[in-house]
PDB file of N, CA and C in Angstrom:
ATOM      1  N   MET A   1       0.814  -0.923   0.059  1.00  0.00           N
ATOM      2  CA  MET A   1       0.020  -0.091   0.129  1.00  0.00           C
ATOM      3  C   MET A   1       0.758   1.272  -0.003  1.00  0.00           C
ATOM      4  N   ASN A   2       1.790   1.046   0.840  1.00  0.00           N
ATOM      5  CA  ASN A   2       2.462   2.286   0.757  1.00  0.00           C
ATOM      6  C   ASN A   2       3.572   2.580  -0.318  1.00  0.00           C
ATOM      7  N   ARG A   3       4.058   1.633  -1.219  1.00  0.00           N
ATOM      8  CA  ARG A   3       4.504   1.289  -2.647  1.00  0.00           C
ATOM      9  C   ARG A   3       3.164   2.579  -3.024  1.00  0.00           C
ATOM     10  N   ILE A   4       2.047   1.981  -3.823  1.00  0.00           N
ATOM     11  CA  ILE A   4       1.346   2.991  -4.332  1.00  0.00           C
ATOM     12  C   ILE A   4       1.118   4.105  -3.643  1.00  0.00           C
ATOM     13  N   LEU A   5       0.944   4.574  -2.758  1.00  0.00           N
ATOM     14  CA  LEU A   5       0.561   5.742  -1.802  1.00  0.00           C
ATOM     15  C   LEU A   5       2.390   6.349  -2.514  1.00  0.00           C
ATOM     16  N   VAL A   6       2.922   5.997  -2.879  1.00  0.00           N
ATOM     17  CA  VAL A   6       4.713   6.848  -3.350  1.00  0.00           C
ATOM     18  C   VAL A   6       4.194   7.055  -4.500  1.00  0.00           C
ATOM     19  N   ALA A   7       4.564   5.804  -5.244  1.00  0.00           N
ATOM     20  CA  ALA A   7       4.443   6.044  -6.982  1.00  0.00           C
ATOM     21  C   ALA A   7       3.156   7.130  -6.818  1.00  0.00           C
ATOM     22  N   VAL A   8       2.140   7.045  -6.609  1.00  0.00           N
ATOM     23  CA  VAL A   8       1.300   7.962  -7.034  1.00  0.00           C
ATOM     24  C   VAL A   8       1.140   9.403  -6.212  1.00  0.00           C
ATOM     25  N   LEU A   9       1.985   9.300  -5.280  1.00  0.00           N
ATOM     26  CA  LEU A   9       2.793  10.689  -5.150  1.00  0.00           C
ATOM     27  C   LEU A   9       3.833  10.921  -6.242  1.00  0.00           C
ATOM     28  N   ALA A  10       4.995  10.480  -6.533  1.00  0.00           N
ATOM     29  CA  ALA A  10       5.661  10.873  -7.413  1.00  0.00           C
ATOM     30  C   ALA A  10       5.350  11.176  -8.528  1.00  0.00           C
ATOM     31  N   VAL A  11       4.097  10.197  -9.365  1.00  0.00           N
ATOM     32  CA  VAL A  11       3.634  11.044 -10.390  1.00  0.00           C
ATOM     33  C   VAL A  11       2.869  11.909 -10.719  1.00  0.00           C
ATOM     34  N   GLY A  12       2.279  12.812  -9.554  1.00  0.00           N
ATOM     35  CA  GLY A  12       1.826  14.158  -8.671  1.00  0.00           C
ATOM     36  C   GLY A  12       2.894  14.587  -9.343  1.00  0.00           C
ATOM     37  N   ALA A  13       3.836  14.932  -8.397  1.00  0.00           N
ATOM     38  CA  ALA A  13       5.065  15.759  -8.651  1.00  0.00           C
ATOM     39  C   ALA A  13       5.456  15.588  -9.380  1.00  0.00           C
ATOM     40  N   LEU A  14       5.478  14.508 -10.697  1.00  0.00           N
ATOM     41  CA  LEU A  14       6.556  14.887 -12.412  1.00  0.00           C
ATOM     42  C   LEU A  14       5.126  15.533 -13.213  1.00  0.00           C
ATOM     43  N   MET A  15       3.841  15.311 -12.535  1.00  0.00           N
ATOM     44  CA  MET A  15       2.881  15.681 -13.276  1.00  0.00           C
ATOM     45  C   MET A  15       3.149  17.073 -13.121  1.00  0.00           C
ATOM     46  N   SER A  16       3.051  17.525 -11.846  1.00  0.00           N
ATOM     47  CA  SER A  16       2.898  19.677 -11.848  1.00  0.00           C
ATOM     48  C   SER A  16       4.210  19.968 -11.922  1.00  0.00           C
ATOM     49  N   GLN A  17       5.640  19.649 -12.406  1.00  0.00           N
ATOM     50  CA  GLN A  17       6.736  19.805 -12.310  1.00  0.00           C
ATOM     51  C   GLN A  17       7.193  20.162 -13.622  1.00  0.00           C
ATOM     52  N   ALA A  18       6.283  19.109 -14.862  1.00  0.00           N
ATOM     53  CA  ALA A  18       5.902  19.722 -16.204  1.00  0.00           C
ATOM     54  C   ALA A  18       5.031  21.027 -16.698  1.00  0.00           C
ATOM     55  N   ALA A  19       3.949  20.907 -16.002  1.00  0.00           N
ATOM     56  CA  ALA A  19       3.395  21.527 -15.805  1.00  0.00           C
ATOM     57  C   ALA A  19       3.986  23.748 -15.557  1.00  0.00           C
ATOM     58  N   PHE A  20       4.669  22.956 -14.414  1.00  0.00           N
ATOM     59  CA  PHE A  20       4.813  24.439 -14.143  1.00  0.00           C
ATOM     60  C   PHE A  20       5.707  24.839 -15.294  1.00  0.00           C
ATOM     61  N   ALA A  21       7.572  23.570 -16.019  1.00  0.00           N
ATOM     62  CA  ALA A  21       7.923  24.136 -16.882  1.00  0.00           C
ATOM     63  C   ALA A  21       7.033  24.995 -17.941  1.00  0.00           C
ATOM     64  N   ASN A  22       5.971  24.161 -18.745  1.00  0.00           N
ATOM     65  CA  ASN A  22       5.158  24.743 -19.335  1.00  0.00           C
ATOM     66  C   ASN A  22       5.516  26.067 -19.284  1.00  0.00           C
ATOM     67  N   GLU A  23       4.647  26.513 -17.842  1.00  0.00           N
ATOM     68  CA  GLU A  23       3.834  27.786 -17.820  1.00  0.00           C
ATOM     69  C   GLU A  23       5.352  28.644 -18.039  1.00  0.00           C
ATOM     70  N   GLN A  24       6.442  28.125 -17.440  1.00  0.00           N
ATOM     71  CA  GLN A  24       7.275  28.741 -17.665  1.00  0.00           C
ATOM     72  C   GLN A  24       8.390  29.003 -18.581  1.00  0.00           C
ATOM     73  N   LEU A  25       8.198  28.047 -19.234  1.00  0.00           N
ATOM     74  CA  LEU A  25       8.537  28.154 -20.605  1.00  0.00           C
ATOM     75  C   LEU A  25       7.514  29.292 -21.638  1.00  0.00           C
ATOM     76  N   ALA A  26       5.982  29.494 -20.982  1.00  0.00           N
ATOM     77  CA  ALA A  26       5.485  30.394 -21.895  1.00  0.00           C
ATOM     78  C   ALA A  26       5.784  31.983 -21.342  1.00  0.00           C
ATOM     79  N   LYS A  27       6.167  32.074 -19.862  1.00  0.00           N
ATOM     80  CA  LYS A  27       6.445  33.827 -19.385  1.00  0.00           C
ATOM     81  C   LYS A  27       8.079  33.767 -20.798  1.00  0.00           C
ATOM     82  N   GLU A  28       9.027  32.498 -20.598  1.00  0.00           N
ATOM     83  CA  GLU A  28      10.341  32.944 -21.126  1.00  0.00           C
ATOM     84  C   GLU A  28       9.882  33.160 -22.888  1.00  0.00           C
ATOM     85  N   LYS A  29       8.725  33.018 -22.965  1.00  0.00           N
ATOM     86  CA  LYS A  29       8.655  32.881 -24.526  1.00  0.00           C
ATOM     87  C   LYS A  29       7.605  34.530 -25.197  1.00  0.00           C
ATOM     88  N   ASN A  30       6.992  35.289 -23.726  1.00  0.00           N
ATOM     89  CA  ASN A  30       6.008  36.583 -23.703  1.00  0.00           C
ATOM     90  C   ASN A  30       4.543  36.083 -23.744  1.00  0.00           C
ATOM     91  N   CYS A  31       4.422  34.912 -24.044  1.00  0.00           N
ATOM     92  CA  CYS A  31       3.229  34.120 -24.433  1.00  0.00           C
ATOM     93  C   CYS A  31       2.099  34.817 -23.088  1.00  0.00           C
ATOM     94  N   LEU A  32       2.838  35.257 -21.974  1.00  0.00           N
ATOM     95  CA  LEU A  32       1.560  36.036 -21.080  1.00  0.00           C
ATOM     96  C   LEU A  32       1.244  36.980 -20.793  1.00  0.00           C
ATOM     97  N   ALA A  33       1.973  38.054 -22.786  1.00  0.00           N
ATOM     98  CA  ALA A  33       2.004  38.866 -22.348  1.00  0.00           C
ATOM     99  C   ALA A  33       0.497  39.372 -22.889  1.00  0.00           C
ATOM    100  N   CYS A  34       0.238  38.073 -24.059  1.00  0.00           N
ATOM    101  CA  CYS A  34      -1.694  38.128 -24.226  1.00  0.00           C
ATOM    102  C   CYS A  34      -2.708  37.427 -23.653  1.00  0.00           C
ATOM    103  N   HIS A  35      -1.657  36.371 -22.815  1.00  0.00           N
ATOM    104  CA  HIS A  35      -2.438  35.410 -22.262  1.00  0.00           C
ATOM    105  C   HIS A  35      -2.441  35.192 -21.166  1.00  0.00           C
ATOM    106  N   ALA A  36      -3.786  34.945 -21.081  1.00  0.00           N
ATOM    107  CA  ALA A  36      -3.621  34.532 -19.021  1.00  0.00           C
ATOM    108  C   ALA A  36      -4.305  32.794 -19.014  1.00  0.00           C
ATOM    109  N   VAL A  37      -3.928  32.027 -18.219  1.00  0.00           N
ATOM    110  CA  VAL A  37      -4.860  30.579 -17.979  1.00  0.00           C
ATOM    111  C   VAL A  37      -5.512  30.650 -17.549  1.00  0.00           C
ATOM    112  N   GLU A  38      -6.408  31.811 -16.382  1.00  0.00           N
ATOM    113  CA  GLU A  38      -8.671  31.412 -16.411  1.00  0.00           C
ATOM    114  C   GLU A  38      -9.052  32.592 -17.032  1.00  0.00           C
ATOM    115  N   SER A  39      -8.418  33.493 -17.507  1.00  0.00           N
ATOM    116  CA  SER A  39      -9.119  34.370 -18.039  1.00  0.00           C
ATOM    117  C   SER A  39      -8.615  35.450 -19.264  1.00  0.00           C
ATOM    118  N   LYS A  40      -9.602  36.117 -19.869  1.00  0.00           N
ATOM    119  CA  LYS A  40      -8.583  36.101 -21.165  1.00  0.00           C
ATOM    120  C   LYS A  40      -8.066  37.894 -21.106  1.00  0.00           C
ATOM    121  N   LEU A  41      -6.913  38.033 -21.754  1.00  0.00           N
ATOM    122  CA  LEU A  41      -5.625  38.978 -21.748  1.00  0.00           C
ATOM    123  C   LEU A  41      -6.408  40.436 -23.432  1.00  0.00           C
ATOM    124  N   VAL A  42      -5.293  40.096 -24.067  1.00  0.00           N
ATOM    125  CA  VAL A  42      -5.673  40.673 -25.159  1.00  0.00           C
ATOM    126  C   VAL A  42      -6.097  39.202 -26.330  1.00  0.00           C
ATOM    127  N   GLY A  43      -5.640  38.320 -25.764  1.00  0.00           N
ATOM    128  CA  GLY A  43      -6.135  36.954 -26.378  1.00  0.00           C
ATOM    129  C   GLY A  43      -7.045  35.976 -25.398  1.00  0.00           C
ATOM    130  N   PRO A  44      -7.497  35.178 -25.609  1.00  0.00           N
ATOM    131  CA  PRO A  44      -8.526  33.960 -25.470  1.00  0.00           C
ATOM    132  C   PRO A  44      -7.568  33.674 -24.171  1.00  0.00           C
ATOM    133  N   ALA A  45      -7.731  33.629 -23.024  1.00  0.00           N
ATOM    134  CA  ALA A  45      -7.657  31.946 -21.546  1.00  0.00           C
ATOM    135  C   ALA A  45      -7.554  31.301 -22.555  1.00  0.00           C
ATOM    136  N   TYR A  46      -5.767  30.367 -22.005  1.00  0.00           N
ATOM    137  CA  TYR A  46      -5.668  29.152 -22.110  1.00  0.00           C
ATOM    138  C   TYR A  46      -6.308  27.987 -22.476  1.00  0.00           C
ATOM    139  N   LYS A  47      -7.486  28.196 -20.958  1.00  0.00           N
ATOM    140  CA  LYS A  47      -8.717  27.052 -20.388  1.00  0.00           C
ATOM    141  C   LYS A  47      -9.640  26.965 -21.762  1.00  0.00           C
ATOM    142  N   ASP A  48      -9.794  28.631 -22.316  1.00  0.00           N
ATOM    143  CA  ASP A  48     -10.564  29.039 -22.972  1.00  0.00           C
ATOM    144  C   ASP A  48     -10.766  28.040 -24.353  1.00  0.00           C
ATOM    145  N   VAL A  49      -9.256  27.884 -24.716  1.00  0.00           N
ATOM    146  CA  VAL A  49      -8.865  27.833 -26.432  1.00  0.00           C
ATOM    147  C   VAL A  49      -8.408  25.438 -25.773  1.00  0.00           C
ATOM    148  N   ALA A  50      -8.319  25.583 -24.634  1.00  0.00           N
ATOM    149  CA  ALA A  50      -8.758  24.346 -24.840  1.00  0.00           C
ATOM    150  C   ALA A  50      -9.942  23.535 -24.837  1.00  0.00           C
ATOM    151  N   ALA A  51     -10.757  24.403 -23.596  1.00  0.00           N
ATOM    152  CA  ALA A  51     -12.063  23.387 -24.262  1.00  0.00           C
ATOM    153  C   ALA A  51     -12.575  23.676 -26.298  1.00  0.00           C
ATOM    154  N   LYS A  52     -12.371  24.744 -26.363  1.00  0.00           N
ATOM    155  CA  LYS A  52     -12.983  24.976 -27.819  1.00  0.00           C
ATOM    156  C   LYS A  52     -12.171  23.682 -28.614  1.00  0.00           C
ATOM    157  N   TYR A  53     -11.144  23.450 -28.720  1.00  0.00           N
ATOM    158  CA  TYR A  53      -9.881  22.634 -28.990  1.00  0.00           C
ATOM    159  C   TYR A  53     -10.671  21.128 -28.963  1.00  0.00           C
ATOM    160  N   LYS A  54     -11.626  20.835 -27.239  1.00  0.00           N
ATOM    161  CA  LYS A  54     -11.281  19.281 -26.970  1.00  0.00           C
ATOM    162  C   LYS A  54     -12.051  18.014 -27.703  1.00  0.00           C
ATOM    163  N   GLY A  55     -10.824  17.203 -27.361  1.00  0.00           N
ATOM    164  CA  GLY A  55     -11.677  16.370 -28.553  1.00  0.00           C
ATOM    165  C   GLY A  55     -11.496  16.588 -30.148  1.00  0.00           C
ATOM    166  N   ASP A  56     -10.456  17.735 -30.638  1.00  0.00           N
ATOM    167  CA  ASP A  56     -10.123  18.254 -31.379  1.00  0.00           C
ATOM    168  C   ASP A  56      -8.472  17.125 -32.266  1.00  0.00           C
ATOM    169  N   LYS A  57      -8.538  16.053 -33.223  1.00  0.00           N
ATOM    170  CA  LYS A  57      -7.615  15.335 -32.552  1.00  0.00           C
ATOM    171  C   LYS A  57      -5.926  16.028 -33.262  1.00  0.00           C
ATOM    172  N   THR A  58      -6.229  17.392 -34.315  1.00  0.00           N
ATOM    173  CA  THR A  58      -5.734  17.995 -34.802  1.00  0.00           C
ATOM    174  C   THR A  58      -4.958  19.308 -34.362  1.00  0.00           C
ATOM    175  N   ALA A  59      -5.532  19.026 -33.114  1.00  0.00           N
ATOM    176  CA  ALA A  59      -5.532  20.450 -32.496  1.00  0.00           C
ATOM    177  C   ALA A  59      -4.122  21.299 -32.389  1.00  0.00           C
ATOM    178  N   GLU A  60      -3.618  20.219 -31.678  1.00  0.00           N
ATOM    179  CA  GLU A  60      -1.849  20.138 -31.061  1.00  0.00           C
ATOM    180  C   GLU A  60      -0.919  20.724 -31.883  1.00  0.00           C
ATOM    181  N   ALA A  61      -1.297  20.610 -33.472  1.00  0.00           N
ATOM    182  CA  ALA A  61      -0.651  20.529 -34.685  1.00  0.00           C
ATOM    183  C   ALA A  61      -1.395  21.914 -35.288  1.00  0.00           C
ATOM    184  N   LYS A  62      -2.395  22.501 -35.201  1.00  0.00           N
ATOM    185  CA  LYS A  62      -2.958  23.722 -35.193  1.00  0.00           C
ATOM    186  C   LYS A  62      -2.681  24.595 -34.327  1.00  0.00           C
ATOM    187  N   LEU A  63      -2.473  24.412 -33.054  1.00  0.00           N
ATOM    188  CA  LEU A  63      -2.006  25.229 -32.380  1.00  0.00           C
ATOM    189  C   LEU A  63      -0.982  25.587 -32.333  1.00  0.00           C
ATOM    190  N   ALA A  64       0.237  24.784 -32.340  1.00  0.00           N
ATOM    191  CA  ALA A  64       1.704  24.999 -32.691  1.00  0.00           C
ATOM    192  C   ALA A  64       1.704  26.366 -34.086  1.00  0.00           C
ATOM    193  N   THR A  65       1.425  25.406 -35.307  1.00  0.00           N
ATOM    194  CA  THR A  65       1.447  26.157 -35.642  1.00  0.00           C
ATOM    195  C   THR A  65       0.936  27.896 -35.806  1.00  0.00           C
ATOM    196  N   LYS A  66      -0.328  27.961 -35.188  1.00  0.00           N
ATOM    197  CA  LYS A  66      -0.599  29.303 -35.387  1.00  0.00           C
ATOM    198  C   LYS A  66       0.297  30.152 -34.279  1.00  0.00           C
ATOM    199  N   ILE A  67       0.798  29.626 -33.146  1.00  0.00           N
ATOM    200  CA  ILE A  67       1.735  29.924 -32.187  1.00  0.00           C
ATOM    201  C   ILE A  67       3.181  29.937 -33.398  1.00  0.00           C
ATOM    202  N   LEU A  68       3.597  29.970 -33.905  1.00  0.00           N
ATOM    203  CA  LEU A  68       4.597  30.104 -34.807  1.00  0.00           C
ATOM    204  C   LEU A  68       4.600  30.429 -35.752  1.00  0.00           C
ATOM    205  N   LYS A  69       3.248  30.725 -36.624  1.00  0.00           N
ATOM    206  CA  LYS A  69       3.123  31.672 -37.607  1.00  0.00           C
ATOM    207  C   LYS A  69       2.106  32.951 -37.463  1.00  0.00           C
ATOM    208  N   GLY A  70       1.271  32.516 -36.246  1.00  0.00           N
ATOM    209  CA  GLY A  70      -0.056  34.422 -35.901  1.00  0.00           C
ATOM    210  C   GLY A  70      -0.924  33.084 -36.991  1.00  0.00           C
ATOM    211  N   GLY A  71      -1.858  34.312 -36.769  1.00  0.00           N
ATOM    212  CA  GLY A  71      -3.217  34.090 -37.598  1.00  0.00           C
ATOM    213  C   GLY A  71      -4.240  35.043 -37.023  1.00  0.00           C
ATOM    214  N   SER A  72      -5.489  35.320 -37.161  1.00  0.00           N
ATOM    215  CA  SER A  72      -6.540  35.799 -37.273  1.00  0.00           C
ATOM    216  C   SER A  72      -7.782  35.536 -37.583  1.00  0.00           C
ATOM    217  N   GLY A  73      -8.754  36.326 -36.942  1.00  0.00           N
ATOM    218  CA  GLY A  73     -10.054  35.527 -36.893  1.00  0.00           C
ATOM    219  C   GLY A  73     -11.230  34.313 -36.334  1.00  0.00           C
ATOM    220  N   VAL A  74      -9.974  34.006 -35.306  1.00  0.00           N
ATOM    221  CA  VAL A  74     -10.554  32.549 -34.390  1.00  0.00           C
ATOM    222  C   VAL A  74     -11.070  33.224 -33.449  1.00  0.00           C
ATOM    223  N   TRP A  75     -10.581  34.168 -33.091  1.00  0.00           N
ATOM    224  CA  TRP A  75     -10.833  34.815 -30.780  1.00  0.00           C
ATOM    225  C   TRP A  75     -11.120  36.577 -31.345  1.00  0.00           C
ATOM    226  N   GLY A  76     -11.966  36.675 -32.835  1.00  0.00           N
ATOM    227  CA  GLY A  76     -11.939  38.064 -32.869  1.00  0.00           C
ATOM    228  C   GLY A  76     -11.203  38.806 -33.740  1.00  0.00           C
ATOM    229  N   ALA A  77     -11.089  40.510 -33.682  1.00  0.00           N
ATOM    230  CA  ALA A  77     -10.749  41.144 -34.187  1.00  0.00           C
ATOM    231  C   ALA A  77      -8.359  41.244 -34.481  1.00  0.00           C
ATOM    232  N   ILE A  78      -8.380  41.285 -32.929  1.00  0.00           N
ATOM    233  CA  ILE A  78      -6.950  41.219 -32.769  1.00  0.00           C
ATOM    234  C   ILE A  78      -6.492  39.880 -33.316  1.00  0.00           C
ATOM    235  N   PRO A  79      -5.568  40.049 -33.808  1.00  0.00           N
ATOM    236  CA  PRO A  79      -4.581  39.051 -34.974  1.00  0.00           C
ATOM    237  C   PRO A  79      -3.545  38.546 -33.413  1.00  0.00           C
ATOM    238  N   MET A  80      -2.899  37.473 -34.264  1.00  0.00           N
ATOM    239  CA  MET A  80      -1.939  36.823 -33.130  1.00  0.00           C
ATOM    240  C   MET A  80      -0.551  37.482 -33.731  1.00  0.00           C
ATOM    241  N   PRO A  81      -0.334  37.653 -33.574  1.00  0.00           N
ATOM    242  CA  PRO A  81       1.520  37.937 -33.828  1.00  0.00           C
ATOM    243  C   PRO A  81       2.457  36.551 -33.878  1.00  0.00           C
ATOM    244  N   ALA A  82       2.974  36.646 -35.462  1.00  0.00           N
ATOM    245  CA  ALA A  82       3.634  35.270 -35.554  1.00  0.00           C
ATOM    246  C   ALA A  82       5.217  35.273 -33.621  1.00  0.00           C
ATOM    247  N   ASN A  83       5.328  34.420 -34.154  1.00  0.00           N
ATOM    248  CA  ASN A  83       6.403  34.239 -32.690  1.00  0.00           C
ATOM    249  C   ASN A  83       7.423  33.143 -33.185  1.00  0.00           C
ATOM    250  N   PRO A  84       8.541  34.236 -34.041  1.00  0.00           N
ATOM    251  CA  PRO A  84       9.645  33.948 -34.190  1.00  0.00           C
ATOM    252  C   PRO A  84      10.999  33.269 -32.846  1.00  0.00           C
ATOM    253  N   GLN A  85      10.249  33.532 -32.391  1.00  0.00           N
ATOM    254  CA  GLN A  85      11.500  33.316 -30.981  1.00  0.00           C
ATOM    255  C   GLN A  85      11.185  32.087 -30.201  1.00  0.00           C
ATOM    256  N   VAL A  86       9.961  31.288 -31.469  1.00  0.00           N
ATOM    257  CA  VAL A  86       9.675  30.259 -30.255  1.00  0.00           C
ATOM    258  C   VAL A  86      10.112  29.537 -31.635  1.00  0.00           C
ATOM    259  N   SER A  87      11.173  27.965 -31.344  1.00  0.00           N
ATOM    260  CA  SER A  87      11.474  26.900 -31.915  1.00  0.00           C
ATOM    261  C   SER A  87      10.005  25.836 -32.123  1.00  0.00           C
ATOM    262  N   GLU A  88      10.480  25.211 -33.459  1.00  0.00           N
ATOM    263  CA  GLU A  88       8.832  23.671 -33.923  1.00  0.00           C
ATOM    264  C   GLU A  88       8.472  23.381 -32.392  1.00  0.00           C
ATOM    265  N   ALA A  89       9.863  23.114 -31.962  1.00  0.00           N
ATOM    266  CA  ALA A  89       9.408  21.512 -30.593  1.00  0.00           C
ATOM    267  C   ALA A  89       9.065  22.608 -29.470  1.00  0.00           C
ATOM    268  N   GLU A  90       9.300  23.776 -29.307  1.00  0.00           N
ATOM    269  CA  GLU A  90       8.368  24.701 -28.446  1.00  0.00           C
ATOM    270  C   GLU A  90       6.983  25.081 -28.153  1.00  0.00           C
ATOM    271  N   ALA A  91       7.065  25.300 -29.626  1.00  0.00           N
ATOM    272  CA  ALA A  91       5.726  25.626 -30.378  1.00  0.00           C
ATOM    273  C   ALA A  91       4.671  23.630 -29.606  1.00  0.00           C
ATOM    274  N   LYS A  92       5.504  23.162 -30.178  1.00  0.00           N
ATOM    275  CA  LYS A  92       4.666  21.498 -29.801  1.00  0.00           C
ATOM    276  C   LYS A  92       4.532  21.545 -28.268  1.00  0.00           C
ATOM    277  N   THR A  93       4.990  21.908 -27.659  1.00  0.00           N
ATOM    278  CA  THR A  93       5.054  21.913 -26.346  1.00  0.00           C
ATOM    279  C   THR A  93       4.490  22.251 -25.814  1.00  0.00           C
ATOM    280  N   LEU A  94       4.458  23.734 -26.091  1.00  0.00           N
ATOM    281  CA  LEU A  94       3.370  24.774 -25.651  1.00  0.00           C
ATOM    282  C   LEU A  94       1.863  24.572 -26.157  1.00  0.00           C
ATOM    283  N   ALA A  95       1.659  24.026 -27.451  1.00  0.00           N
ATOM    284  CA  ALA A  95       0.443  23.405 -27.582  1.00  0.00           C
ATOM    285  C   ALA A  95      -0.085  22.569 -26.510  1.00  0.00           C
ATOM    286  N   HIS A  96       0.616  21.157 -26.366  1.00  0.00           N
ATOM    287  CA  HIS A  96       0.258  20.149 -25.447  1.00  0.00           C
ATOM    288  C   HIS A  96       0.112  21.092 -24.420  1.00  0.00           C
ATOM    289  N   TRP A  97       0.789  21.941 -23.897  1.00  0.00           N
ATOM    290  CA  TRP A  97       0.569  22.206 -21.761  1.00  0.00           C
ATOM    291  C   TRP A  97      -1.129  22.940 -22.813  1.00  0.00           C
ATOM    292  N   VAL A  98      -1.254  23.475 -23.787  1.00  0.00           N
ATOM    293  CA  VAL A  98      -2.657  24.907 -23.520  1.00  0.00           C
ATOM    294  C   VAL A  98      -3.600  24.293 -24.064  1.00  0.00           C
ATOM    295  N   LEU A  99      -3.815  22.610 -24.590  1.00  0.00           N
ATOM    296  CA  LEU A  99      -4.753  21.889 -24.496  1.00  0.00           C
ATOM    297  C   LEU A  99      -5.044  20.622 -23.370  1.00  0.00           C
ATOM    298  N   SER A 100      -3.880  20.265 -22.949  1.00  0.00           N
ATOM    299  CA  SER A 100      -3.843  19.972 -20.917  1.00  0.00           C
ATOM    300  C   SER A 100      -4.448  20.327 -19.676  1.00  0.00           C
ATOM    301  N   LEU A 101      -4.765  21.630 -20.645  1.00  0.00           N
ATOM    302  CA  LEU A 101      -5.531  22.832 -19.581  1.00  0.00           C
ATOM    303  C   LEU A 101      -7.041  22.322 -19.028  1.00  0.00           C
ATOM    304  N   LYS A 102      -7.861  22.752 -17.981  1.00  0.00           N
ATOM    305  CA  LYS A 102      -9.011  22.721 -17.543  1.00  0.00           C
ATOM    306  C   LYS A 102      -9.651  23.217 -16.757  1.00  0.00           C
TER     307      LYS A 102
END
């Protein structure tokens, strides 16, 4: 029983560290200048993005592309600029993180 509890706690700690690490990446890449996890700023809240794309198997690739190249029209009139400071791997990591939020 103790082994199971330790394993569950270890997995939970790793998951929270991964979530924090991805939020840290969002801070480092200036994503949080326009977005927040819980509420709309200039762009939509990340939780709203996750809800909109829930169940869409192509969402991660779509969001990674939007992070890299920018876009407009999905969330209103304000366009999202391209983010040349973000690598393709980082864009995929950020998209995965955003879609994991509930």
